[in-house]
Amino acid sequence: MTKVLVLHSVSLVRSGLAALLRCEGGFDVTSAGWRTAARQAESLRPDVTVVDLDCPGASATLGAAAGTGAAGPRSEPSPPLLVLARPGAPGSLRRGVRAEARGYVDKDGSPDRLVRAVRKVAAGERFVDASLASALLDADEVPLSPRELSVLARAAEGDSVAEIAHALHLACGTVRNYMAAVTRKTGARNRIDAIRISRKAGWV
């Protein structure tokens, strides 16, 4: 039985994806939102983690799944990532590359493609939809570090500096420094503008 963890910010969508995979047989599927993603991944030890890169909060989740969370690198390897993406969002694809995702599925593709991708990634193989291949090659490097992306992702969700600091185990001054760096690197006028630019680029 292949253990699959489906992560999505929208309960209805993640439940639908989980139901789709369960219908195929051979999959033991659990779905979760961002807030419980790291805990679920640690307790379940899935064979494959499926993440939608277009969802708010995906950056922080990718960081945790790749072993670059607030607690630092993990001693154990993280489960293979399979990301759902769109050809028109090269920034989000680049985040998948940075997180060392093993599979890339076009969200406009057929459900069968997702099932096939999960099976291949679980078997230790790579899977890239043809529609995403050229976009992966053309994707510009994300100018933000994984930690900056984690801070920005939480800011984009409306978290205050104090809330971000608490969630990521940082000092408030450190969070402000990260946000200042994000604003500078994106060429933004302020925090709101940095969020807008980063969302348009597909970084958060």
C-alpha atoms as a PDB file:
ATOM      1  CA  MET A   1       0.000   0.000   0.000  1.00  0.00           C
ATOM      2  CA  THR A   2       1.423   3.380  -1.061  1.00  0.00           C
ATOM      3  CA  LYS A   3       1.016   6.065   1.594  1.00  0.00           C
ATOM      4  CA  VAL A   4       0.128   9.459   0.097  1.00  0.00           C
ATOM      5  CA  LEU A   5      -0.210  12.812   1.868  1.00  0.00           C
ATOM      6  CA  VAL A   6      -2.249  15.439  -0.035  1.00  0.00           C
ATOM      7  CA  LEU A   7      -1.660  19.058   1.017  1.00  0.00           C
ATOM      8  CA  HIS A   8      -3.940  21.893  -0.056  1.00  0.00           C
ATOM      9  CA  SER A   9      -5.245  25.083   1.532  1.00  0.00           C
ATOM     10  CA  VAL A  10      -8.862  24.364   0.485  1.00  0.00           C
ATOM     11  CA  SER A  11     -10.559  21.515   2.329  1.00  0.00           C
ATOM     12  CA  LEU A  12     -12.959  20.650  -0.499  1.00  0.00           C
ATOM     13  CA  VAL A  13     -10.151  20.424  -3.068  1.00  0.00           C
ATOM     14  CA  ARG A  14      -7.828  18.298  -0.950  1.00  0.00           C
ATOM     15  CA  SER A  15     -10.721  16.001  -0.060  1.00  0.00           C
ATOM     16  CA  GLY A  16     -11.540  15.630  -3.754  1.00  0.00           C
ATOM     17  CA  LEU A  17      -7.940  14.804  -4.651  1.00  0.00           C
ATOM     18  CA  ALA A  18      -7.761  12.294  -1.817  1.00  0.00           C
ATOM     19  CA  ALA A  19     -11.020  10.651  -2.927  1.00  0.00           C
ATOM     20  CA  LEU A  20      -9.732  10.408  -6.494  1.00  0.00           C
ATOM     21  CA  LEU A  21      -6.606   8.564  -5.407  1.00  0.00           C
ATOM     22  CA  ARG A  22      -8.483   6.264  -3.019  1.00  0.00           C
ATOM     23  CA  CYS A  23     -10.770   5.154  -5.855  1.00  0.00           C
ATOM     24  CA  GLU A  24      -7.785   3.834  -7.773  1.00  0.00           C
ATOM     25  CA  GLY A  25      -6.880   1.311  -5.085  1.00  0.00           C
ATOM     26  CA  GLY A  26      -3.452   0.664  -3.677  1.00  0.00           C
ATOM     27  CA  PHE A  27      -3.253   4.108  -2.042  1.00  0.00           C
ATOM     28  CA  ASP A  28      -3.538   4.898   1.655  1.00  0.00           C
ATOM     29  CA  VAL A  29      -4.376   8.621   1.432  1.00  0.00           C
ATOM     30  CA  THR A  30      -4.391  11.341   4.093  1.00  0.00           C
ATOM     31  CA  SER A  31      -5.191  14.995   3.381  1.00  0.00           C
ATOM     32  CA  ALA A  32      -4.209  18.035   5.433  1.00  0.00           C
ATOM     33  CA  GLY A  33      -3.965  21.829   5.390  1.00  0.00           C
ATOM     34  CA  TRP A  34      -0.777  23.861   5.780  1.00  0.00           C
ATOM     35  CA  ARG A  35      -0.955  24.322   9.532  1.00  0.00           C
ATOM     36  CA  THR A  36      -0.732  20.595  10.216  1.00  0.00           C
ATOM     37  CA  ALA A  37       1.373  19.638   7.179  1.00  0.00           C
ATOM     38  CA  ALA A  38       4.724  19.206   8.925  1.00  0.00           C
ATOM     39  CA  ARG A  39       3.202  17.262  11.818  1.00  0.00           C
ATOM     40  CA  GLN A  40       1.271  14.958   9.479  1.00  0.00           C
ATOM     41  CA  ALA A  41       4.336  14.331   7.330  1.00  0.00           C
ATOM     42  CA  GLU A  42       6.399  13.418  10.384  1.00  0.00           C
ATOM     43  CA  SER A  43       3.810  11.072  11.884  1.00  0.00           C
ATOM     44  CA  LEU A  44       2.604   9.427   8.667  1.00  0.00           C
ATOM     45  CA  ARG A  45       5.949   9.110   6.875  1.00  0.00           C
ATOM     46  CA  PRO A  46       4.221   9.068   3.461  1.00  0.00           C
ATOM     47  CA  ASP A  47       5.759   7.551   0.340  1.00  0.00           C
ATOM     48  CA  VAL A  48       4.656  10.589  -1.683  1.00  0.00           C
ATOM     49  CA  THR A  49       3.541  14.099  -0.706  1.00  0.00           C
ATOM     50  CA  VAL A  50       1.277  15.901  -3.203  1.00  0.00           C
ATOM     51  CA  VAL A  51       1.322  19.718  -3.016  1.00  0.00           C
ATOM     52  CA  ASP A  52      -0.514  22.369  -5.063  1.00  0.00           C
ATOM     53  CA  LEU A  53       2.066  25.120  -5.639  1.00  0.00           C
ATOM     54  CA  ASP A  54      -0.532  27.788  -6.433  1.00  0.00           C
ATOM     55  CA  CYS A  55      -2.049  27.762  -2.950  1.00  0.00           C
ATOM     56  CA  PRO A  56      -1.232  30.471  -0.399  1.00  0.00           C
ATOM     57  CA  GLY A  57       1.077  28.953   2.183  1.00  0.00           C
ATOM     58  CA  ALA A  58       2.694  26.484  -0.207  1.00  0.00           C
ATOM     59  CA  SER A  59       6.139  28.075   0.175  1.00  0.00           C
ATOM     60  CA  ALA A  60       6.284  27.393   3.903  1.00  0.00           C
ATOM     61  CA  THR A  61       5.011  23.859   3.328  1.00  0.00           C
ATOM     62  CA  LEU A  62       7.635  23.138   0.688  1.00  0.00           C
ATOM     63  CA  GLY A  63      10.315  24.353   3.081  1.00  0.00           C
ATOM     64  CA  ALA A  64       9.125  21.993   5.782  1.00  0.00           C
ATOM     65  CA  ALA A  65       8.760  19.080   3.381  1.00  0.00           C
ATOM     66  CA  ALA A  66      12.249  19.650   2.005  1.00  0.00           C
ATOM     67  CA  GLY A  67      13.768  19.637   5.480  1.00  0.00           C
ATOM     68  CA  THR A  68      14.458  23.388   5.694  1.00  0.00           C
ATOM     69  CA  GLY A  69      11.915  24.327   8.327  1.00  0.00           C
ATOM     70  CA  ALA A  70      12.350  26.434  11.432  1.00  0.00           C
ATOM     71  CA  ALA A  71      14.040  23.650  13.331  1.00  0.00           C
ATOM     72  CA  GLY A  72      16.766  23.310  10.709  1.00  0.00           C
ATOM     73  CA  PRO A  73      17.627  20.418   8.374  1.00  0.00           C
ATOM     74  CA  ARG A  74      16.238  17.011   9.248  1.00  0.00           C
ATOM     75  CA  SER A  75      18.495  14.029   9.841  1.00  0.00           C
ATOM     76  CA  GLU A  76      16.124  11.769   7.872  1.00  0.00           C
ATOM     77  CA  PRO A  77      15.300  12.164   4.167  1.00  0.00           C
ATOM     78  CA  SER A  78      11.981  13.850   3.407  1.00  0.00           C
ATOM     79  CA  PRO A  79       9.281  12.021   1.405  1.00  0.00           C
ATOM     80  CA  PRO A  80       9.346  12.561  -2.379  1.00  0.00           C
ATOM     81  CA  LEU A  81       7.358  15.596  -3.484  1.00  0.00           C
ATOM     82  CA  LEU A  82       4.889  15.626  -6.356  1.00  0.00           C
ATOM     83  CA  VAL A  83       3.708  19.118  -7.208  1.00  0.00           C
ATOM     84  CA  LEU A  84       0.616  20.328  -9.050  1.00  0.00           C
ATOM     85  CA  ALA A  85       1.350  23.376 -11.188  1.00  0.00           C
ATOM     86  CA  ARG A  86       0.497  25.410 -14.298  1.00  0.00           C
ATOM     87  CA  PRO A  87       2.753  26.140 -17.301  1.00  0.00           C
ATOM     88  CA  GLY A  88       2.068  29.878 -16.940  1.00  0.00           C
ATOM     89  CA  ALA A  89       3.568  30.107 -13.445  1.00  0.00           C
ATOM     90  CA  PRO A  90       7.319  29.500 -13.850  1.00  0.00           C
ATOM     91  CA  GLY A  91       8.039  31.013 -10.443  1.00  0.00           C
ATOM     92  CA  SER A  92       6.039  28.346  -8.656  1.00  0.00           C
ATOM     93  CA  LEU A  93       7.713  25.650 -10.757  1.00  0.00           C
ATOM     94  CA  ARG A  94      11.096  26.975  -9.686  1.00  0.00           C
ATOM     95  CA  ARG A  95      10.002  26.586  -6.054  1.00  0.00           C
ATOM     96  CA  GLY A  96       9.319  22.957  -6.812  1.00  0.00           C
ATOM     97  CA  VAL A  97      12.805  22.574  -8.271  1.00  0.00           C
ATOM     98  CA  ARG A  98      14.328  24.199  -5.188  1.00  0.00           C
ATOM     99  CA  ALA A  99      12.413  21.750  -2.989  1.00  0.00           C
ATOM    100  CA  GLU A 100      13.774  18.890  -5.126  1.00  0.00           C
ATOM    101  CA  ALA A 101      10.326  17.695  -6.230  1.00  0.00           C
ATOM    102  CA  ARG A 102      10.354  14.369  -8.066  1.00  0.00           C
ATOM    103  CA  GLY A 103       7.131  14.892 -10.007  1.00  0.00           C
ATOM    104  CA  TYR A 104       5.344  17.750 -11.798  1.00  0.00           C
ATOM    105  CA  VAL A 105       1.696  17.386 -12.856  1.00  0.00           C
ATOM    106  CA  ASP A 106      -0.200  19.929 -14.963  1.00  0.00           C
ATOM    107  CA  LYS A 107      -3.383  20.879 -13.105  1.00  0.00           C
ATOM    108  CA  ASP A 108      -5.228  21.124 -16.423  1.00  0.00           C
ATOM    109  CA  GLY A 109      -4.363  17.515 -17.239  1.00  0.00           C
ATOM    110  CA  SER A 110      -6.479  14.421 -16.737  1.00  0.00           C
ATOM    111  CA  PRO A 111      -6.943  12.692 -13.356  1.00  0.00           C
ATOM    112  CA  ASP A 112      -5.178   9.655 -14.821  1.00  0.00           C
ATOM    113  CA  ARG A 113      -1.999  11.726 -15.093  1.00  0.00           C
ATOM    114  CA  LEU A 114      -2.026  12.386 -11.362  1.00  0.00           C
ATOM    115  CA  VAL A 115      -2.512   8.704 -10.566  1.00  0.00           C
ATOM    116  CA  ARG A 116       0.287   7.706 -12.923  1.00  0.00           C
ATOM    117  CA  ALA A 117       2.584  10.372 -11.461  1.00  0.00           C
ATOM    118  CA  VAL A 118       1.995   9.225  -7.885  1.00  0.00           C
ATOM    119  CA  ARG A 119       2.793   5.630  -8.822  1.00  0.00           C
ATOM    120  CA  LYS A 120       5.998   6.623 -10.618  1.00  0.00           C
ATOM    121  CA  VAL A 121       7.259   8.915  -7.858  1.00  0.00           C
ATOM    122  CA  ALA A 122       6.459   6.268  -5.222  1.00  0.00           C
ATOM    123  CA  ALA A 123       8.543   3.827  -7.266  1.00  0.00           C
ATOM    124  CA  GLY A 124      11.514   6.184  -7.162  1.00  0.00           C
ATOM    125  CA  GLU A 125      11.089   7.504 -10.695  1.00  0.00           C
ATOM    126  CA  ARG A 126      10.622  11.043 -11.980  1.00  0.00           C
ATOM    127  CA  PHE A 127       7.472  12.333 -13.665  1.00  0.00           C
ATOM    128  CA  VAL A 128       7.142  15.598 -15.619  1.00  0.00           C
ATOM    129  CA  ASP A 129       4.101  16.455 -17.718  1.00  0.00           C
ATOM    130  CA  ALA A 130       5.158  17.447 -21.229  1.00  0.00           C
ATOM    131  CA  SER A 131       3.241  20.721 -20.893  1.00  0.00           C
ATOM    132  CA  LEU A 132       5.440  21.691 -17.931  1.00  0.00           C
ATOM    133  CA  ALA A 133       8.810  20.597 -19.293  1.00  0.00           C
ATOM    134  CA  SER A 134       9.624  23.760 -21.266  1.00  0.00           C
ATOM    135  CA  ALA A 135       8.300  25.980 -18.481  1.00  0.00           C
ATOM    136  CA  LEU A 136      10.662  24.253 -16.044  1.00  0.00           C
ATOM    137  CA  LEU A 137      13.616  25.016 -18.290  1.00  0.00           C
ATOM    138  CA  ASP A 138      12.561  28.656 -18.722  1.00  0.00           C
ATOM    139  CA  ALA A 139      11.768  29.306 -15.069  1.00  0.00           C
ATOM    140  CA  ASP A 140      13.843  32.119 -13.600  1.00  0.00           C
ATOM    141  CA  GLU A 141      15.625  31.519 -10.321  1.00  0.00           C
ATOM    142  CA  VAL A 142      13.626  32.728  -7.323  1.00  0.00           C
ATOM    143  CA  PRO A 143      15.648  35.596  -5.786  1.00  0.00           C
ATOM    144  CA  LEU A 144      14.435  34.825  -2.254  1.00  0.00           C
ATOM    145  CA  SER A 145      15.945  32.341   0.177  1.00  0.00           C
ATOM    146  CA  PRO A 146      13.794  29.518   1.633  1.00  0.00           C
ATOM    147  CA  ARG A 147      13.579  31.392   4.952  1.00  0.00           C
ATOM    148  CA  GLU A 148      12.545  34.633   3.205  1.00  0.00           C
ATOM    149  CA  LEU A 149       9.882  32.702   1.301  1.00  0.00           C
ATOM    150  CA  SER A 150       8.581  31.195   4.551  1.00  0.00           C
ATOM    151  CA  VAL A 151       8.304  34.640   6.150  1.00  0.00           C
ATOM    152  CA  LEU A 152       6.722  36.137   3.038  1.00  0.00           C
ATOM    153  CA  ALA A 153       4.221  33.268   2.704  1.00  0.00           C
ATOM    154  CA  ARG A 154       2.955  33.851   6.236  1.00  0.00           C
ATOM    155  CA  ALA A 155       2.835  37.605   5.676  1.00  0.00           C
ATOM    156  CA  ALA A 156       0.759  36.958   2.555  1.00  0.00           C
ATOM    157  CA  GLU A 157      -1.704  35.014   4.707  1.00  0.00           C
ATOM    158  CA  GLY A 158      -2.143  38.087   6.905  1.00  0.00           C
ATOM    159  CA  ASP A 159       0.022  37.041   9.857  1.00  0.00           C
ATOM    160  CA  SER A 160       1.514  39.851  11.930  1.00  0.00           C
ATOM    161  CA  VAL A 161       5.234  40.160  12.634  1.00  0.00           C
ATOM    162  CA  ALA A 162       4.675  38.688  16.104  1.00  0.00           C
ATOM    163  CA  GLU A 163       2.666  35.761  14.704  1.00  0.00           C
ATOM    164  CA  ILE A 164       5.314  35.021  12.072  1.00  0.00           C
ATOM    165  CA  ALA A 165       8.055  35.187  14.701  1.00  0.00           C
ATOM    166  CA  HIS A 166       6.183  32.771  16.967  1.00  0.00           C
ATOM    167  CA  ALA A 167       5.401  30.306  14.161  1.00  0.00           C
ATOM    168  CA  LEU A 168       8.958  30.242  12.795  1.00  0.00           C
ATOM    169  CA  HIS A 169      10.733  30.513  16.163  1.00  0.00           C
ATOM    170  CA  LEU A 170      12.367  33.832  15.275  1.00  0.00           C
ATOM    171  CA  ALA A 171      12.791  37.196  16.988  1.00  0.00           C
ATOM    172  CA  CYS A 172      10.479  39.966  15.785  1.00  0.00           C
ATOM    173  CA  GLY A 173      13.498  42.007  14.686  1.00  0.00           C
ATOM    174  CA  THR A 174      14.712  39.074  12.590  1.00  0.00           C
ATOM    175  CA  VAL A 175      11.327  38.829  10.877  1.00  0.00           C
ATOM    176  CA  ARG A 176      11.459  42.551  10.066  1.00  0.00           C
ATOM    177  CA  ASN A 177      14.947  42.098   8.638  1.00  0.00           C
ATOM    178  CA  TYR A 178      13.731  39.268   6.419  1.00  0.00           C
ATOM    179  CA  MET A 179      10.797  41.369   5.198  1.00  0.00           C
ATOM    180  CA  ALA A 180      13.163  44.268   4.470  1.00  0.00           C
ATOM    181  CA  ALA A 181      15.338  41.899   2.426  1.00  0.00           C
ATOM    182  CA  VAL A 182      12.263  40.609   0.558  1.00  0.00           C
ATOM    183  CA  THR A 183      11.161  44.152  -0.249  1.00  0.00           C
ATOM    184  CA  ARG A 184      14.636  45.036  -1.530  1.00  0.00           C
ATOM    185  CA  LYS A 185      15.102  41.876  -3.609  1.00  0.00           C
ATOM    186  CA  THR A 186      11.697  42.148  -5.267  1.00  0.00           C
ATOM    187  CA  GLY A 187      12.078  45.852  -5.975  1.00  0.00           C
ATOM    188  CA  ALA A 188       8.868  46.508  -4.058  1.00  0.00           C
ATOM    189  CA  ARG A 189       7.813  49.779  -2.422  1.00  0.00           C
ATOM    190  CA  ASN A 190       6.582  48.104   0.758  1.00  0.00           C
ATOM    191  CA  ARG A 191       5.409  44.826   2.271  1.00  0.00           C
ATOM    192  CA  ILE A 192       2.061  44.820   0.428  1.00  0.00           C
ATOM    193  CA  ASP A 193       3.771  45.503  -2.886  1.00  0.00           C
ATOM    194  CA  ALA A 194       6.276  42.698  -2.202  1.00  0.00           C
ATOM    195  CA  ILE A 195       3.404  40.278  -1.629  1.00  0.00           C
ATOM    196  CA  ARG A 196       1.702  41.406  -4.862  1.00  0.00           C
ATOM    197  CA  ILE A 197       4.892  41.030  -6.932  1.00  0.00           C
ATOM    198  CA  SER A 198       5.686  37.631  -5.431  1.00  0.00           C
ATOM    199  CA  ARG A 199       2.195  36.289  -6.003  1.00  0.00           C
ATOM    200  CA  LYS A 200       2.248  37.422  -9.619  1.00  0.00           C
ATOM    201  CA  ALA A 201       5.580  35.669 -10.111  1.00  0.00           C
ATOM    202  CA  GLY A 202       4.244  32.517  -8.456  1.00  0.00           C
ATOM    203  CA  TRP A 203       6.724  32.542  -5.577  1.00  0.00           C
ATOM    204  CA  VAL A 204       4.043  32.423  -2.848  1.00  0.00           C
END
